[in-house]
Amino acid sequence: MGLTISNRDLSNGWIAIAVEGEVDLATVDELQAAIDAVFADGGGHVVVDLTSSSFMDSTGLKALVLSHRKFDDVGRSFAIAVEGGPISRLIDLSGVDKTIRTVPNVEDLG
């Protein structure tokens, strides 16, 4: 299964990177490139919206953790939107939700 990524500006100063499909070794570079492009633009906070994703392995998790650090280093917020399912379980079990703000959907960023 492939990966589809799209960006949209939210009205609250956040940029949502919506990810559909599976994030794994074969597709993680696409996710990282999308996050890096938003970072390079220099504005806004970022939420990676995984609510339509079906799977993520440890390479995707690593990309999120490293991206969070990069955004944090320059004072920009970074969050993950995910609710239920295997990705949420991976994030919970890894403890990433203790470091990276995690919300059920992008509308909950307020």
C-alpha atoms as a PDB file:
ATOM      1  CA  MET A   1       0.000   0.000   0.000  1.00  0.00           C
ATOM      2  CA  GLY A   2       1.303   3.449  -0.879  1.00  0.00           C
ATOM      3  CA  LEU A   3       1.356   6.670   1.040  1.00  0.00           C
ATOM      4  CA  THR A   4      -0.599   9.834   0.321  1.00  0.00           C
ATOM      5  CA  ILE A   5       0.447  13.057   2.025  1.00  0.00           C
ATOM      6  CA  SER A   6      -1.235  16.454   1.872  1.00  0.00           C
ATOM      7  CA  ASN A   7      -0.821  19.696   3.786  1.00  0.00           C
ATOM      8  CA  ARG A   8      -3.394  22.210   4.914  1.00  0.00           C
ATOM      9  CA  ASP A   9      -3.251  25.346   6.970  1.00  0.00           C
ATOM     10  CA  LEU A  10      -5.464  25.262  10.015  1.00  0.00           C
ATOM     11  CA  SER A  11      -7.045  28.480  11.213  1.00  0.00           C
ATOM     12  CA  ASN A  12      -5.217  28.332  14.553  1.00  0.00           C
ATOM     13  CA  GLY A  13      -1.618  28.767  13.331  1.00  0.00           C
ATOM     14  CA  TRP A  14      -0.981  25.063  12.805  1.00  0.00           C
ATOM     15  CA  ILE A  15      -0.156  23.261   9.581  1.00  0.00           C
ATOM     16  CA  ALA A  16      -1.600  19.751   9.278  1.00  0.00           C
ATOM     17  CA  ILE A  17       0.325  17.109   7.366  1.00  0.00           C
ATOM     18  CA  ALA A  18      -2.341  14.502   6.612  1.00  0.00           C
ATOM     19  CA  VAL A  19      -0.962  11.011   6.048  1.00  0.00           C
ATOM     20  CA  GLU A  20      -2.981   8.182   4.487  1.00  0.00           C
ATOM     21  CA  GLY A  21      -1.679   4.649   4.059  1.00  0.00           C
ATOM     22  CA  GLU A  22       1.207   2.827   5.682  1.00  0.00           C
ATOM     23  CA  VAL A  23       4.341   4.450   7.087  1.00  0.00           C
ATOM     24  CA  ASP A  24       7.176   1.935   6.976  1.00  0.00           C
ATOM     25  CA  LEU A  25      10.715   1.500   5.689  1.00  0.00           C
ATOM     26  CA  ALA A  26       9.495   1.832   2.090  1.00  0.00           C
ATOM     27  CA  THR A  27       7.557   5.085   2.658  1.00  0.00           C
ATOM     28  CA  VAL A  28       9.139   6.844   5.632  1.00  0.00           C
ATOM     29  CA  ASP A  29      11.309   9.028   3.384  1.00  0.00           C
ATOM     30  CA  GLU A  30       8.136  10.520   1.867  1.00  0.00           C
ATOM     31  CA  LEU A  31       6.860  11.413   5.324  1.00  0.00           C
ATOM     32  CA  GLN A  32      10.211  12.867   6.354  1.00  0.00           C
ATOM     33  CA  ALA A  33      10.400  14.943   3.160  1.00  0.00           C
ATOM     34  CA  ALA A  34       6.920  16.369   3.807  1.00  0.00           C
ATOM     35  CA  ILE A  35       7.818  17.300   7.387  1.00  0.00           C
ATOM     36  CA  ASP A  36      11.165  18.775   6.309  1.00  0.00           C
ATOM     37  CA  ALA A  37       9.455  20.907   3.646  1.00  0.00           C
ATOM     38  CA  VAL A  38       7.110  22.438   6.217  1.00  0.00           C
ATOM     39  CA  PHE A  39      10.035  22.970   8.586  1.00  0.00           C
ATOM     40  CA  ALA A  40      12.009  24.743   5.841  1.00  0.00           C
ATOM     41  CA  ASP A  41       9.104  27.134   5.228  1.00  0.00           C
ATOM     42  CA  GLY A  42       9.834  28.453   8.712  1.00  0.00           C
ATOM     43  CA  GLY A  43       6.361  29.294   9.926  1.00  0.00           C
ATOM     44  CA  GLY A  44       3.680  27.739  12.005  1.00  0.00           C
ATOM     45  CA  HIS A  45       3.363  24.760  14.219  1.00  0.00           C
ATOM     46  CA  VAL A  46       2.978  21.283  12.735  1.00  0.00           C
ATOM     47  CA  VAL A  47       0.650  18.398  13.432  1.00  0.00           C
ATOM     48  CA  VAL A  48       1.138  15.095  11.649  1.00  0.00           C
ATOM     49  CA  ASP A  49      -2.374  13.777  11.149  1.00  0.00           C
ATOM     50  CA  LEU A  50      -2.247   9.984  11.259  1.00  0.00           C
ATOM     51  CA  THR A  51      -5.980   9.467  11.751  1.00  0.00           C
ATOM     52  CA  SER A  52      -6.307   8.010   8.221  1.00  0.00           C
ATOM     53  CA  SER A  53      -3.147   5.914   8.388  1.00  0.00           C
ATOM     54  CA  SER A  54      -3.409   2.179   8.762  1.00  0.00           C
ATOM     55  CA  PHE A  55       0.088   1.204   9.925  1.00  0.00           C
ATOM     56  CA  MET A  56       3.373   2.619  11.201  1.00  0.00           C
ATOM     57  CA  ASP A  57       6.572   0.798  12.060  1.00  0.00           C
ATOM     58  CA  SER A  58       9.553   1.912  14.119  1.00  0.00           C
ATOM     59  CA  THR A  59      11.060   3.882  11.213  1.00  0.00           C
ATOM     60  CA  GLY A  60       7.993   6.125  11.167  1.00  0.00           C
ATOM     61  CA  LEU A  61       8.129   6.504  14.917  1.00  0.00           C
ATOM     62  CA  LYS A  62      11.791   7.498  14.698  1.00  0.00           C
ATOM     63  CA  ALA A  63      10.985  10.100  12.024  1.00  0.00           C
ATOM     64  CA  LEU A  64       8.364  11.649  14.299  1.00  0.00           C
ATOM     65  CA  VAL A  65      10.692  11.760  17.307  1.00  0.00           C
ATOM     66  CA  LEU A  66      13.556  13.337  15.343  1.00  0.00           C
ATOM     67  CA  SER A  67      11.210  15.839  13.711  1.00  0.00           C
ATOM     68  CA  HIS A  68       9.782  16.803  17.092  1.00  0.00           C
ATOM     69  CA  ARG A  69      13.299  17.522  18.346  1.00  0.00           C
ATOM     70  CA  LYS A  70      14.069  19.669  15.304  1.00  0.00           C
ATOM     71  CA  PHE A  71      10.911  21.751  15.742  1.00  0.00           C
ATOM     72  CA  ASP A  72      11.415  22.017  19.494  1.00  0.00           C
ATOM     73  CA  ASP A  73      14.981  23.266  19.021  1.00  0.00           C
ATOM     74  CA  VAL A  74      13.673  26.339  17.178  1.00  0.00           C
ATOM     75  CA  GLY A  75      10.671  26.943  19.431  1.00  0.00           C
ATOM     76  CA  ARG A  76       8.003  25.551  17.104  1.00  0.00           C
ATOM     77  CA  SER A  77       5.351  23.118  18.295  1.00  0.00           C
ATOM     78  CA  PHE A  78       5.017  19.627  16.855  1.00  0.00           C
ATOM     79  CA  ALA A  79       2.119  17.273  17.523  1.00  0.00           C
ATOM     80  CA  ILE A  80       0.610  13.998  16.354  1.00  0.00           C
ATOM     81  CA  ALA A  81      -3.092  13.435  15.697  1.00  0.00           C
ATOM     82  CA  VAL A  82      -4.064   9.785  16.149  1.00  0.00           C
ATOM     83  CA  GLU A  83      -6.898   7.977  17.852  1.00  0.00           C
ATOM     84  CA  GLY A  84      -7.228   4.249  18.345  1.00  0.00           C
ATOM     85  CA  GLY A  85      -5.830   1.465  16.229  1.00  0.00           C
ATOM     86  CA  PRO A  86      -2.330   0.076  15.796  1.00  0.00           C
ATOM     87  CA  ILE A  87      -0.571   3.443  15.391  1.00  0.00           C
ATOM     88  CA  SER A  88      -2.047   4.761  18.609  1.00  0.00           C
ATOM     89  CA  ARG A  89      -0.976   1.550  20.351  1.00  0.00           C
ATOM     90  CA  LEU A  90       2.582   1.918  19.011  1.00  0.00           C
ATOM     91  CA  ILE A  91       2.767   5.507  20.239  1.00  0.00           C
ATOM     92  CA  ASP A  92       1.377   4.567  23.660  1.00  0.00           C
ATOM     93  CA  LEU A  93       3.630   1.528  24.125  1.00  0.00           C
ATOM     94  CA  SER A  94       6.746   3.421  23.057  1.00  0.00           C
ATOM     95  CA  GLY A  95       6.040   6.305  25.438  1.00  0.00           C
ATOM     96  CA  VAL A  96       6.256   8.834  22.599  1.00  0.00           C
ATOM     97  CA  ASP A  97       2.975  10.341  23.798  1.00  0.00           C
ATOM     98  CA  LYS A  98       4.835  11.462  26.932  1.00  0.00           C
ATOM     99  CA  THR A  99       7.218  13.573  24.810  1.00  0.00           C
ATOM    100  CA  ILE A 100       5.208  14.593  21.766  1.00  0.00           C
ATOM    101  CA  ARG A 101       1.798  16.202  22.187  1.00  0.00           C
ATOM    102  CA  THR A 102      -0.781  13.704  20.951  1.00  0.00           C
ATOM    103  CA  VAL A 103      -4.388  14.618  20.186  1.00  0.00           C
ATOM    104  CA  PRO A 104      -7.308  12.555  18.827  1.00  0.00           C
ATOM    105  CA  ASN A 105      -7.765  14.890  15.812  1.00  0.00           C
ATOM    106  CA  VAL A 106      -6.425  18.163  14.442  1.00  0.00           C
ATOM    107  CA  GLU A 107      -9.470  20.080  15.659  1.00  0.00           C
ATOM    108  CA  ASP A 108      -8.358  19.438  19.264  1.00  0.00           C
ATOM    109  CA  LEU A 109      -5.209  21.577  18.977  1.00  0.00           C
ATOM    110  CA  GLY A 110      -6.896  24.821  20.043  1.00  0.00           C
END
